[in-house]
Amino acid sequence: MKMPESVYVLAVYDRQYRVFRKLLGSSLVSNVANPILFLFAFGFGMGSFIDTMSGMSYLTFVVAGMIGYSAAFAASFETSIGAFTRYFLQKNWDAILSTPVTLAELMMGEILWASVKALFSAICVLIVGWLWGGVPTSFEPLIALPIVFLGAICFSCAGLVATAYAKGYEFFSYFFTFWVTPMFVFCGVFFDIGRFPDVIQYFAWFFPMTHLVAAIRPLTAGTEVGVTAILLHTGYIIAFSVAAFWIAHRKLRQRLYD
């Protein structure tokens, strides 16, 4: 596999952006409004019954979780169902790969677009959380954004793994049921994972969502930041991304060329 050229990666990204502009309304509803509704429902609804969680207000606790989940959902959807549609139904990938663009460059363009889209969703949640008093007025929450972007890359790579193995849209029921949904309920989005049985905690730490939320929560909450812990969580996210990209690339190469 030759070294990818950034111009081709950006060309794929630009193609996705141009399509996004035509579908702006529906994209904003699913990627921005949906997580904000969850933030409101749990932050204020559950927050009326739960005063604190892990030493902070429940709203502050949930903000970090919803930032992570909004990025995960947007990135996962874009590189799973969205990418599969472009690859399998619309045959856009076949057209792109008939040009000098390589498979790796195509994948990187897909990942870049999905990650930027996911980061935008996360920023919207962060802003709303700040307006509602769940995020302190300081510089630390902004430091969380590069980590969120790395997390979005990770979720995008995982979505491409699903696309690589999918033979139809029905396959994504497995992806969302056994990958996306567990990240929503077991990975520290709404509750401290320490409240779960040990076996669930071990299970939760496999998912990059747990590491993403653990890395950004001290930053968005304005609590004491453990630099070593953040680096370890970020390292896991990067390692998972590399492994997922390699698996997706290998399988897609087999399906497209063998």
Protein backbone atom coordinates (compact mmCIF):
# COMPACT_ATOMS: atom_id res chain seq x y z
CA MET A 1 0.00 0.00 0.00
CA LYS A 2 1.57 3.26 -1.13
CA MET A 3 1.59 6.33 1.07
CA PRO A 4 -1.74 8.15 0.72
CA GLU A 5 -1.71 11.57 -0.94
CA SER A 6 -3.53 14.25 1.01
CA VAL A 7 -4.98 15.86 -2.12
CA TYR A 8 -6.97 12.71 -2.89
CA VAL A 9 -8.08 12.32 0.71
CA LEU A 10 -9.32 15.92 0.69
CA ALA A 11 -11.06 15.34 -2.65
CA VAL A 12 -13.13 12.54 -1.12
CA TYR A 13 -13.81 14.75 1.90
CA ASP A 14 -14.95 17.60 -0.37
CA ARG A 15 -17.32 15.30 -2.22
CA GLN A 16 -19.01 14.33 1.04
CA TYR A 17 -19.20 17.95 2.17
CA ARG A 18 -20.93 19.01 -1.04
CA VAL A 19 -23.56 16.31 -0.59
CA PHE A 20 -23.98 17.30 3.07
CA ARG A 21 -24.84 20.88 2.11
CA LYS A 22 -27.81 19.60 0.11
CA LEU A 23 -29.03 17.48 3.04
CA LEU A 24 -28.25 19.98 5.78
CA GLY A 25 -31.65 19.93 7.50
CA SER A 26 -31.96 16.18 8.03
CA SER A 27 -28.30 15.88 9.00
CA LEU A 28 -28.62 18.53 11.70
CA VAL A 29 -31.71 16.87 13.16
CA SER A 30 -30.08 13.46 13.56
CA ASN A 31 -26.56 14.57 14.51
CA VAL A 32 -27.22 17.68 16.61
CA ALA A 33 -30.83 17.81 17.82
CA ASN A 34 -30.96 14.15 18.87
CA PRO A 35 -28.06 14.25 21.39
CA ILE A 36 -29.20 17.63 22.72
CA LEU A 37 -32.65 16.16 23.44
CA PHE A 38 -30.99 13.30 25.33
CA LEU A 39 -28.85 15.81 27.22
CA PHE A 40 -31.92 17.79 28.24
CA ALA A 41 -33.97 14.71 29.18
CA PHE A 42 -31.28 13.06 31.28
CA GLY A 43 -29.50 16.17 32.53
CA PHE A 44 -32.64 17.78 33.89
CA GLY A 45 -35.01 14.80 34.10
CA MET A 46 -32.71 12.32 35.84
CA GLY A 47 -30.88 15.24 37.42
CA SER A 48 -33.99 16.01 39.47
CA PHE A 49 -33.62 12.58 41.12
CA ILE A 50 -29.81 12.28 41.14
CA ASP A 51 -28.02 15.23 42.72
CA THR A 52 -24.44 14.16 42.08
CA MET A 53 -22.49 11.49 40.22
CA SER A 54 -18.76 10.91 40.74
CA GLY A 55 -18.47 14.07 42.83
CA MET A 56 -20.10 16.47 40.35
CA SER A 57 -23.60 17.55 39.44
CA TYR A 58 -25.44 15.01 37.32
CA LEU A 59 -25.86 17.52 34.48
CA THR A 60 -22.10 18.12 34.42
CA PHE A 61 -21.53 14.36 34.46
CA VAL A 62 -23.91 13.76 31.56
CA VAL A 63 -22.50 16.55 29.37
CA ALA A 64 -19.22 14.68 28.87
CA GLY A 65 -21.09 11.47 28.13
CA MET A 66 -23.32 13.10 25.55
CA ILE A 67 -20.36 14.81 23.91
CA GLY A 68 -18.77 11.41 23.48
CA TYR A 69 -21.94 9.70 22.37
CA SER A 70 -22.89 12.41 19.87
CA ALA A 71 -19.48 12.00 18.24
CA ALA A 72 -19.76 8.21 18.31
CA PHE A 73 -23.22 8.10 16.78
CA ALA A 74 -22.48 10.63 14.03
CA ALA A 75 -19.20 8.97 13.04
CA SER A 76 -20.55 5.43 13.28
CA PHE A 77 -23.63 6.16 11.18
CA GLU A 78 -21.66 8.01 8.50
CA THR A 79 -19.12 5.24 7.91
CA SER A 80 -21.54 2.35 8.31
CA ILE A 81 -24.93 2.90 6.69
CA GLY A 82 -23.77 6.05 4.88
CA ALA A 83 -20.59 4.51 3.51
CA PHE A 84 -22.31 1.23 2.65
CA THR A 85 -24.90 3.13 0.62
CA ARG A 86 -22.16 4.89 -1.34
CA TYR A 87 -20.27 1.63 -1.82
CA PHE A 88 -23.00 -0.92 -2.43
CA LEU A 89 -26.09 0.90 -3.68
CA GLN A 90 -24.91 4.10 -5.35
CA LYS A 91 -21.60 2.60 -6.61
CA ASN A 92 -19.81 5.86 -5.81
CA TRP A 93 -16.79 3.98 -4.52
CA ASP A 94 -16.40 2.17 -7.84
CA ALA A 95 -16.38 5.50 -9.65
CA ILE A 96 -13.87 7.04 -7.24
CA LEU A 97 -11.57 4.01 -7.34
CA SER A 98 -11.50 4.16 -11.15
CA THR A 99 -9.49 7.38 -10.71
CA PRO A 100 -5.97 7.57 -9.21
CA VAL A 101 -7.53 7.52 -5.72
CA THR A 102 -6.48 4.40 -3.80
CA LEU A 103 -8.65 2.43 -1.39
CA ALA A 104 -6.68 3.76 1.59
CA GLU A 105 -7.16 7.35 0.40
CA LEU A 106 -10.87 6.74 -0.12
CA MET A 107 -11.18 5.31 3.38
CA MET A 108 -9.23 8.20 4.89
CA GLY A 109 -11.46 10.68 3.10
CA GLU A 110 -14.54 8.92 4.47
CA ILE A 111 -13.03 8.88 7.96
CA LEU A 112 -12.00 12.53 7.81
CA TRP A 113 -15.46 13.64 6.76
CA ALA A 114 -17.23 11.49 9.36
CA SER A 115 -14.88 12.74 12.08
CA VAL A 116 -15.36 16.41 11.22
CA LYS A 117 -19.12 15.90 11.14
CA ALA A 118 -18.95 14.14 14.50
CA LEU A 119 -16.79 16.89 15.99
CA PHE A 120 -19.33 19.50 14.89
CA SER A 121 -22.06 17.55 16.67
CA ALA A 122 -19.92 17.31 19.81
CA ILE A 123 -19.18 21.04 19.77
CA CYS A 124 -22.91 21.80 19.60
CA VAL A 125 -23.52 19.61 22.65
CA LEU A 126 -20.62 21.29 24.47
CA ILE A 127 -22.04 24.75 23.75
CA VAL A 128 -25.53 23.77 24.90
CA GLY A 129 -24.07 22.17 28.02
CA TRP A 130 -22.24 25.41 28.77
CA LEU A 131 -25.39 27.48 28.26
CA TRP A 132 -27.25 25.22 30.68
CA GLY A 133 -24.54 25.51 33.31
CA GLY A 134 -23.13 22.01 32.93
CA VAL A 135 -19.73 23.15 31.63
CA PRO A 136 -17.47 25.68 33.39
CA THR A 137 -16.35 28.88 31.69
CA SER A 138 -12.69 27.98 31.31
CA PHE A 139 -10.14 26.82 28.77
CA GLU A 140 -10.11 23.15 29.83
CA PRO A 141 -13.28 22.08 27.94
CA LEU A 142 -11.69 23.23 24.68
CA ILE A 143 -8.75 20.90 25.32
CA ALA A 144 -11.22 18.03 25.19
CA LEU A 145 -12.07 18.70 21.53
CA PRO A 146 -8.88 17.22 19.98
CA ILE A 147 -9.46 14.09 22.06
CA VAL A 148 -13.06 13.96 20.85
CA PHE A 149 -11.77 14.21 17.27
CA LEU A 150 -9.45 11.25 17.86
CA GLY A 151 -12.40 9.37 19.30
CA ALA A 152 -14.46 10.22 16.22
CA ILE A 153 -11.70 8.81 14.02
CA CYS A 154 -11.83 5.62 16.06
CA PHE A 155 -15.60 5.28 15.73
CA SER A 156 -15.32 6.03 12.00
CA CYS A 157 -12.79 3.23 11.56
CA ALA A 158 -15.08 0.84 13.44
CA GLY A 159 -17.95 1.84 11.16
CA LEU A 160 -15.86 0.97 8.12
CA VAL A 161 -15.20 -2.46 9.61
CA ALA A 162 -18.96 -2.99 9.68
CA THR A 163 -19.24 -1.76 6.10
CA ALA A 164 -16.45 -4.08 5.02
CA TYR A 165 -18.30 -7.14 6.29
CA ALA A 166 -21.87 -6.07 5.50
CA LYS A 167 -23.65 -7.82 2.64
CA GLY A 168 -26.88 -5.92 3.16
CA TYR A 169 -28.47 -3.30 5.37
CA GLU A 170 -29.73 -5.99 7.74
CA PHE A 171 -26.16 -6.56 8.91
CA PHE A 172 -26.10 -3.15 10.57
CA SER A 173 -28.69 -4.33 13.07
CA TYR A 174 -25.83 -6.31 14.63
CA PHE A 175 -23.51 -3.32 14.46
CA PHE A 176 -25.86 -0.93 16.23
CA THR A 177 -27.20 -3.50 18.69
CA PHE A 178 -23.87 -4.97 19.80
CA TRP A 179 -21.54 -1.99 19.22
CA VAL A 180 -23.33 1.37 19.35
CA THR A 181 -26.00 0.56 21.95
CA PRO A 182 -23.59 -0.91 24.55
CA MET A 183 -21.51 2.26 24.26
CA PHE A 184 -24.65 4.22 25.03
CA VAL A 185 -25.65 2.28 28.14
CA PHE A 186 -22.49 0.73 29.63
CA CYS A 187 -19.61 3.11 28.91
CA GLY A 188 -20.10 5.92 31.40
CA VAL A 189 -22.38 8.13 29.34
CA PHE A 190 -25.17 8.31 31.93
CA PHE A 191 -23.77 6.47 34.94
CA ASP A 192 -20.41 5.77 36.53
CA ILE A 193 -19.38 2.32 35.28
CA GLY A 194 -18.31 1.49 38.83
CA ARG A 195 -22.01 0.96 39.58
CA PHE A 196 -22.10 -2.07 37.27
CA PRO A 197 -21.04 -5.64 38.16
CA ASP A 198 -17.35 -6.42 37.62
CA VAL A 199 -17.94 -8.43 34.45
CA ILE A 200 -19.78 -5.48 32.86
CA GLN A 201 -16.97 -3.13 33.88
CA TYR A 202 -14.36 -5.32 32.17
CA PHE A 203 -16.63 -5.49 29.15
CA ALA A 204 -17.07 -1.71 29.13
CA TRP A 205 -13.34 -0.97 29.13
CA PHE A 206 -12.99 -2.78 25.80
CA PHE A 207 -15.06 -0.08 24.10
CA PRO A 208 -13.22 3.10 23.09
CA MET A 209 -16.23 5.12 24.28
CA THR A 210 -15.36 4.33 27.90
CA HIS A 211 -11.84 5.65 27.38
CA LEU A 212 -13.05 8.74 25.51
CA VAL A 213 -15.54 9.71 28.21
CA ALA A 214 -13.00 9.03 30.97
CA ALA A 215 -10.46 11.25 29.18
CA ILE A 216 -12.71 14.24 28.51
CA ARG A 217 -14.92 14.28 31.63
CA PRO A 218 -12.32 15.94 33.92
CA LEU A 219 -11.76 18.57 31.22
CA THR A 220 -15.43 19.38 30.61
CA ALA A 221 -16.27 19.25 34.32
CA GLY A 222 -13.38 21.44 35.47
CA THR A 223 -12.15 18.85 37.98
CA GLU A 224 -8.59 17.72 38.65
CA VAL A 225 -6.98 16.46 35.45
CA GLY A 226 -4.75 13.38 35.50
CA VAL A 227 -2.47 13.87 32.51
CA THR A 228 -1.11 10.31 32.63
CA ALA A 229 -4.61 8.85 32.66
CA ILE A 230 -5.68 11.01 29.72
CA LEU A 231 -2.61 9.92 27.73
CA LEU A 232 -3.32 6.26 28.45
CA HIS A 233 -6.96 6.58 27.43
CA THR A 234 -5.97 8.46 24.28
CA GLY A 235 -3.34 5.86 23.47
CA TYR A 236 -5.95 3.11 23.64
CA ILE A 237 -8.21 5.07 21.29
CA ILE A 238 -5.38 5.51 18.78
CA ALA A 239 -4.38 1.84 18.96
CA PHE A 240 -7.98 0.76 18.44
CA SER A 241 -8.24 3.10 15.44
CA VAL A 242 -5.14 1.64 13.79
CA ALA A 243 -6.35 -1.92 14.31
CA ALA A 244 -9.85 -1.17 13.01
CA PHE A 245 -8.50 0.65 9.94
CA TRP A 246 -6.22 -2.28 9.12
CA ILE A 247 -9.07 -4.79 9.44
CA ALA A 248 -11.42 -2.67 7.33
CA HIS A 249 -8.80 -2.04 4.64
CA ARG A 250 -7.87 -5.71 4.38
CA LYS A 251 -11.48 -6.87 4.08
CA LEU A 252 -12.52 -4.13 1.65
CA ARG A 253 -9.51 -4.86 -0.54
CA GLN A 254 -10.61 -8.50 -0.71
CA ARG A 255 -14.18 -7.57 -1.61
CA LEU A 256 -13.27 -4.93 -4.17
CA TYR A 257 -10.28 -6.49 -5.91
CA ASP A 258 -10.16 -10.25 -5.27
